[in-house]
């Protein structure tokens, strides 16, 4: 019975923790990098790439 409970806990907890970690990474990336060109955002939150469409939209 203990093995079954352990397997069930691992089968539920591991995918859940992986999903939470993936979501946290995506939220961090979205808030620190430009979504169009992937460059790190300037301190004001604008894209430093002059050729990037997001940089032109936020000027």
Protein backbone atom coordinates (compact mmCIF):
# COMPACT_ATOMS: atom_id res chain seq x y z
CA UNK A 1 0.00 0.00 0.00
CA UNK A 2 2.86 2.40 0.75
CA UNK A 3 4.39 1.84 -2.67
CA UNK A 4 1.11 2.63 -4.39
CA UNK A 5 0.71 5.86 -2.40
CA UNK A 6 4.30 6.86 -3.18
CA UNK A 7 3.89 6.16 -6.88
CA UNK A 8 0.62 8.09 -6.95
CA UNK A 9 2.17 11.02 -5.11
CA UNK A 10 5.13 11.10 -7.50
CA UNK A 11 2.85 10.70 -10.53
CA UNK A 12 0.78 13.70 -9.43
CA UNK A 13 3.37 15.94 -7.78
CA UNK A 14 6.15 15.75 -10.37
CA UNK A 15 4.06 16.88 -13.39
CA UNK A 16 2.41 19.56 -11.27
CA UNK A 17 5.75 20.94 -10.07
CA UNK A 18 7.12 20.81 -13.62
CA UNK A 19 4.14 22.77 -14.91
CA UNK A 20 4.51 25.38 -12.16
CA UNK A 21 8.24 25.76 -12.89
CA UNK A 22 7.58 26.09 -16.62
CA UNK A 23 4.93 28.72 -16.06
CA UNK A 24 7.19 30.67 -13.70
CA UNK A 25 9.99 30.62 -16.30
CA UNK A 26 7.67 31.83 -19.06
CA UNK A 27 6.36 34.65 -16.88
CA UNK A 28 9.92 35.68 -15.99
CA UNK A 29 10.98 35.60 -19.66
CA UNK A 30 7.97 37.66 -20.74
CA UNK A 31 8.70 40.34 -18.15
CA UNK A 32 12.45 40.59 -18.80
CA UNK A 33 12.85 39.97 -22.55
CA UNK A 34 11.31 41.31 -25.73
CA UNK A 35 8.77 38.85 -27.10
CA UNK A 36 9.52 39.74 -30.74
CA UNK A 37 13.33 39.69 -30.91
CA UNK A 38 14.32 38.03 -27.60
CA UNK A 39 16.69 40.77 -26.41
CA UNK A 40 16.80 41.79 -22.76
CA UNK A 41 14.59 44.80 -22.05
CA UNK A 42 16.03 48.17 -21.10
CA UNK A 43 15.41 49.49 -17.54
CA UNK A 44 12.32 51.40 -18.72
CA UNK A 45 10.79 48.21 -20.08
CA UNK A 46 11.42 49.12 -23.73
CA UNK A 47 13.15 46.99 -26.31
CA UNK A 48 16.67 48.33 -27.02
CA UNK A 49 16.67 46.92 -30.59
CA UNK A 50 15.84 49.78 -33.02
CA UNK A 51 14.66 47.30 -35.68
CA UNK A 52 12.19 45.61 -33.35
CA UNK A 53 8.50 46.31 -33.90
CA UNK A 54 7.82 46.27 -30.13
CA UNK A 55 10.46 48.97 -29.63
CA UNK A 56 8.65 51.20 -32.13
CA UNK A 57 5.26 50.51 -30.56
CA UNK A 58 6.34 51.58 -27.08
CA UNK A 59 8.15 54.81 -28.07
